[in-house]
Amino acid sequence: MSLDTTHDPLEIDRENARLAAIGLGIWLAITAAVIMLLLQFGPALSGIFV
């Protein structure tokens, strides 16, 4: 590991924030899709188990 390399903490924070925002967006999209599927097919799915 080289000690003479410079790094910008602000750039690292921006990258981490960008990755967190992307992850949150994907999580929200998957959650919304699952909710929509449950609302759409909920009665059919519950009929399988009842």
PDB file of N, CA and C in Angstrom:
ATOM      1  N   MET A   1       0.841  -1.171   0.000  1.00  0.00           N
ATOM      2  CA  MET A   1       0.000   0.000   0.000  1.00  0.00           C
ATOM      3  C   MET A   1       0.889   1.237   0.000  1.00  0.00           C
ATOM      4  N   SER A   2       0.606   2.123  -0.900  1.00  0.00           N
ATOM      5  CA  SER A   2       1.422   3.314  -1.033  1.00  0.00           C
ATOM      6  C   SER A   2       0.887   4.430  -0.141  1.00  0.00           C
ATOM      7  N   LEU A   3       1.792   5.092   0.541  1.00  0.00           N
ATOM      8  CA  LEU A   3       1.373   6.166   1.440  1.00  0.00           C
ATOM      9  C   LEU A   3       1.359   7.521   0.749  1.00  0.00           C
ATOM     10  N   ASP A   4       1.959   7.622  -0.442  1.00  0.00           N
ATOM     11  CA  ASP A   4       2.043   8.920  -1.097  1.00  0.00           C
ATOM     12  C   ASP A   4       0.846   9.188  -2.023  1.00  0.00           C
ATOM     13  N   THR A   5      -0.085   8.271  -2.113  1.00  0.00           N
ATOM     14  CA  THR A   5      -1.256   8.523  -2.943  1.00  0.00           C
ATOM     15  C   THR A   5      -2.223   9.423  -2.186  1.00  0.00           C
ATOM     16  N   THR A   6      -2.764  10.383  -2.880  1.00  0.00           N
ATOM     17  CA  THR A   6      -3.724  11.284  -2.253  1.00  0.00           C
ATOM     18  C   THR A   6      -5.131  10.795  -2.555  1.00  0.00           C
ATOM     19  N   HIS A   7      -5.998  11.016  -1.620  1.00  0.00           N
ATOM     20  CA  HIS A   7      -7.395  10.659  -1.810  1.00  0.00           C
ATOM     21  C   HIS A   7      -8.255  11.812  -1.331  1.00  0.00           C
ATOM     22  N   ASP A   8      -9.399  11.916  -1.936  1.00  0.00           N
ATOM     23  CA  ASP A   8     -10.318  12.997  -1.601  1.00  0.00           C
ATOM     24  C   ASP A   8     -11.476  12.417  -0.793  1.00  0.00           C
ATOM     25  N   PRO A   9     -11.521  12.708   0.499  1.00  0.00           N
ATOM     26  CA  PRO A   9     -12.609  12.153   1.322  1.00  0.00           C
ATOM     27  C   PRO A   9     -13.997  12.559   0.820  1.00  0.00           C
ATOM     28  N   LEU A  10     -14.115  13.752   0.262  1.00  0.00           N
ATOM     29  CA  LEU A  10     -15.404  14.203  -0.255  1.00  0.00           C
ATOM     30  C   LEU A  10     -15.840  13.335  -1.435  1.00  0.00           C
ATOM     31  N   GLU A  11     -14.920  12.973  -2.282  1.00  0.00           N
ATOM     32  CA  GLU A  11     -15.241  12.112  -3.425  1.00  0.00           C
ATOM     33  C   GLU A  11     -15.656  10.708  -2.959  1.00  0.00           C
ATOM     34  N   ILE A  12     -14.992  10.215  -1.944  1.00  0.00           N
ATOM     35  CA  ILE A  12     -15.351   8.903  -1.385  1.00  0.00           C
ATOM     36  C   ILE A  12     -16.757   8.967  -0.789  1.00  0.00           C
ATOM     37  N   ASP A  13     -17.062  10.044  -0.061  1.00  0.00           N
ATOM     38  CA  ASP A  13     -18.391  10.208   0.522  1.00  0.00           C
ATOM     39  C   ASP A  13     -19.452  10.317  -0.569  1.00  0.00           C
ATOM     40  N   ARG A  14     -19.141  11.020  -1.644  1.00  0.00           N
ATOM     41  CA  ARG A  14     -20.107  11.141  -2.745  1.00  0.00           C
ATOM     42  C   ARG A  14     -20.373   9.782  -3.380  1.00  0.00           C
ATOM     43  N   GLU A  15     -19.327   9.006  -3.565  1.00  0.00           N
ATOM     44  CA  GLU A  15     -19.508   7.677  -4.151  1.00  0.00           C
ATOM     45  C   GLU A  15     -20.334   6.783  -3.233  1.00  0.00           C
ATOM     46  N   ASN A  16     -20.056   6.833  -1.938  1.00  0.00           N
ATOM     47  CA  ASN A  16     -20.839   6.038  -0.989  1.00  0.00           C
ATOM     48  C   ASN A  16     -22.302   6.482  -0.966  1.00  0.00           C
ATOM     49  N   ALA A  17     -22.550   7.773  -1.032  1.00  0.00           N
ATOM     50  CA  ALA A  17     -23.915   8.281  -1.055  1.00  0.00           C
ATOM     51  C   ALA A  17     -24.627   7.861  -2.330  1.00  0.00           C
ATOM     52  N   ARG A  18     -23.909   7.881  -3.443  1.00  0.00           N
ATOM     53  CA  ARG A  18     -24.492   7.462  -4.727  1.00  0.00           C
ATOM     54  C   ARG A  18     -24.865   5.987  -4.679  1.00  0.00           C
ATOM     55  N   LEU A  19     -23.983   5.159  -4.149  1.00  0.00           N
ATOM     56  CA  LEU A  19     -24.273   3.726  -4.055  1.00  0.00           C
ATOM     57  C   LEU A  19     -25.428   3.459  -3.094  1.00  0.00           C
ATOM     58  N   ALA A  20     -25.493   4.208  -2.000  1.00  0.00           N
ATOM     59  CA  ALA A  20     -26.594   4.035  -1.054  1.00  0.00           C
ATOM     60  C   ALA A  20     -27.921   4.443  -1.695  1.00  0.00           C
ATOM     61  N   ALA A  21     -27.920   5.516  -2.463  1.00  0.00           N
ATOM     62  CA  ALA A  21     -29.142   5.962  -3.131  1.00  0.00           C
ATOM     63  C   ALA A  21     -29.597   4.950  -4.176  1.00  0.00           C
ATOM     64  N   ILE A  22     -28.662   4.382  -4.908  1.00  0.00           N
ATOM     65  CA  ILE A  22     -29.003   3.363  -5.908  1.00  0.00           C
ATOM     66  C   ILE A  22     -29.577   2.132  -5.214  1.00  0.00           C
ATOM     67  N   GLY A  23     -28.939   1.702  -4.150  1.00  0.00           N
ATOM     68  CA  GLY A  23     -29.432   0.541  -3.403  1.00  0.00           C
ATOM     69  C   GLY A  23     -30.819   0.773  -2.834  1.00  0.00           C
ATOM     70  N   LEU A  24     -31.056   1.969  -2.298  1.00  0.00           N
ATOM     71  CA  LEU A  24     -32.372   2.295  -1.756  1.00  0.00           C
ATOM     72  C   LEU A  24     -33.420   2.318  -2.857  1.00  0.00           C
ATOM     73  N   GLY A  25     -33.064   2.871  -4.007  1.00  0.00           N
ATOM     74  CA  GLY A  25     -33.999   2.908  -5.126  1.00  0.00           C
ATOM     75  C   GLY A  25     -34.372   1.519  -5.604  1.00  0.00           C
ATOM     76  N   ILE A  26     -33.388   0.635  -5.685  1.00  0.00           N
ATOM     77  CA  ILE A  26     -33.661  -0.750  -6.096  1.00  0.00           C
ATOM     78  C   ILE A  26     -34.540  -1.439  -5.061  1.00  0.00           C
ATOM     79  N   TRP A  27     -34.239  -1.239  -3.791  1.00  0.00           N
ATOM     80  CA  TRP A  27     -35.032  -1.852  -2.719  1.00  0.00           C
ATOM     81  C   TRP A  27     -36.479  -1.362  -2.761  1.00  0.00           C
ATOM     82  N   LEU A  28     -36.670  -0.068  -2.977  1.00  0.00           N
ATOM     83  CA  LEU A  28     -38.026   0.474  -3.046  1.00  0.00           C
ATOM     84  C   LEU A  28     -38.770  -0.054  -4.272  1.00  0.00           C
ATOM     85  N   ALA A  29     -38.084  -0.182  -5.397  1.00  0.00           N
ATOM     86  CA  ALA A  29     -38.726  -0.701  -6.604  1.00  0.00           C
ATOM     87  C   ALA A  29     -39.158  -2.150  -6.417  1.00  0.00           C
ATOM     88  N   ILE A  30     -38.309  -2.958  -5.812  1.00  0.00           N
ATOM     89  CA  ILE A  30     -38.663  -4.362  -5.560  1.00  0.00           C
ATOM     90  C   ILE A  30     -39.829  -4.446  -4.579  1.00  0.00           C
ATOM     91  N   THR A  31     -39.792  -3.627  -3.530  1.00  0.00           N
ATOM     92  CA  THR A  31     -40.870  -3.629  -2.554  1.00  0.00           C
ATOM     93  C   THR A  31     -42.193  -3.221  -3.200  1.00  0.00           C
ATOM     94  N   ALA A  32     -42.179  -2.184  -4.019  1.00  0.00           N
ATOM     95  CA  ALA A  32     -43.403  -1.748  -4.695  1.00  0.00           C
ATOM     96  C   ALA A  32     -43.912  -2.827  -5.638  1.00  0.00           C
ATOM     97  N   ALA A  33     -43.013  -3.506  -6.349  1.00  0.00           N
ATOM     98  CA  ALA A  33     -43.429  -4.573  -7.263  1.00  0.00           C
ATOM     99  C   ALA A  33     -44.072  -5.724  -6.506  1.00  0.00           C
ATOM    100  N   VAL A  34     -43.505  -6.093  -5.366  1.00  0.00           N
ATOM    101  CA  VAL A  34     -44.071  -7.184  -4.569  1.00  0.00           C
ATOM    102  C   VAL A  34     -45.445  -6.792  -4.032  1.00  0.00           C
ATOM    103  N   ILE A  35     -45.588  -5.564  -3.571  1.00  0.00           N
ATOM    104  CA  ILE A  35     -46.885  -5.107  -3.068  1.00  0.00           C
ATOM    105  C   ILE A  35     -47.924  -5.128  -4.186  1.00  0.00           C
ATOM    106  N   MET A  36     -47.546  -4.653  -5.366  1.00  0.00           N
ATOM    107  CA  MET A  36     -48.485  -4.660  -6.489  1.00  0.00           C
ATOM    108  C   MET A  36     -48.875  -6.087  -6.871  1.00  0.00           C
ATOM    109  N   LEU A  37     -47.912  -6.996  -6.863  1.00  0.00           N
ATOM    110  CA  LEU A  37     -48.224  -8.391  -7.179  1.00  0.00           C
ATOM    111  C   LEU A  37     -49.147  -9.006  -6.126  1.00  0.00           C
ATOM    112  N   LEU A  38     -48.900  -8.679  -4.868  1.00  0.00           N
ATOM    113  CA  LEU A  38     -49.773  -9.204  -3.819  1.00  0.00           C
ATOM    114  C   LEU A  38     -51.183  -8.633  -3.926  1.00  0.00           C
ATOM    115  N   LEU A  39     -51.297  -7.364  -4.261  1.00  0.00           N
ATOM    116  CA  LEU A  39     -52.617  -6.781  -4.442  1.00  0.00           C
ATOM    117  C   LEU A  39     -53.331  -7.388  -5.651  1.00  0.00           C
ATOM    118  N   GLN A  40     -52.570  -7.659  -6.691  1.00  0.00           N
ATOM    119  CA  GLN A  40     -53.147  -8.205  -7.920  1.00  0.00           C
ATOM    120  C   GLN A  40     -53.541  -9.677  -7.764  1.00  0.00           C
ATOM    121  N   PHE A  41     -52.646 -10.473  -7.192  1.00  0.00           N
ATOM    122  CA  PHE A  41     -52.841 -11.918  -7.140  1.00  0.00           C
ATOM    123  C   PHE A  41     -53.060 -12.449  -5.728  1.00  0.00           C
ATOM    124  N   GLY A  42     -53.336 -11.589  -4.771  1.00  0.00           N
ATOM    125  CA  GLY A  42     -53.522 -12.009  -3.394  1.00  0.00           C
ATOM    126  C   GLY A  42     -54.622 -13.036  -3.204  1.00  0.00           C
ATOM    127  N   PRO A  43     -55.816 -12.791  -3.744  1.00  0.00           N
ATOM    128  CA  PRO A  43     -56.887 -13.787  -3.573  1.00  0.00           C
ATOM    129  C   PRO A  43     -56.543 -15.146  -4.194  1.00  0.00           C
ATOM    130  N   ALA A  44     -55.916 -15.149  -5.340  1.00  0.00           N
ATOM    131  CA  ALA A  44     -55.541 -16.408  -5.979  1.00  0.00           C
ATOM    132  C   ALA A  44     -54.484 -17.146  -5.152  1.00  0.00           C
ATOM    133  N   LEU A  45     -53.536 -16.403  -4.604  1.00  0.00           N
ATOM    134  CA  LEU A  45     -52.497 -17.035  -3.794  1.00  0.00           C
ATOM    135  C   LEU A  45     -53.057 -17.560  -2.484  1.00  0.00           C
ATOM    136  N   SER A  46     -53.965 -16.821  -1.867  1.00  0.00           N
ATOM    137  CA  SER A  46     -54.517 -17.305  -0.610  1.00  0.00           C
ATOM    138  C   SER A  46     -55.442 -18.490  -0.841  1.00  0.00           C
ATOM    139  N   GLY A  47     -56.033 -18.601  -2.028  1.00  0.00           N
ATOM    140  CA  GLY A  47     -56.873 -19.756  -2.351  1.00  0.00           C
ATOM    141  C   GLY A  47     -56.088 -21.040  -2.412  1.00  0.00           C
ATOM    142  N   ILE A  48     -54.815 -20.952  -2.696  1.00  0.00           N
ATOM    143  CA  ILE A  48     -53.970 -22.155  -2.744  1.00  0.00           C
ATOM    144  C   ILE A  48     -53.823 -22.756  -1.349  1.00  0.00           C
ATOM    145  N   PHE A  49     -53.707 -21.912  -0.337  1.00  0.00           N
ATOM    146  CA  PHE A  49     -53.395 -22.361   1.015  1.00  0.00           C
ATOM    147  C   PHE A  49     -54.635 -22.550   1.876  1.00  0.00           C
ATOM    148  N   VAL A  50     -55.779 -22.094   1.418  1.00  0.00           N
ATOM    149  CA  VAL A  50     -57.000 -22.203   2.239  1.00  0.00           C
ATOM    150  C   VAL A  50     -57.886 -23.293   1.686  1.00  0.00           C
TER     151      VAL A  50
END
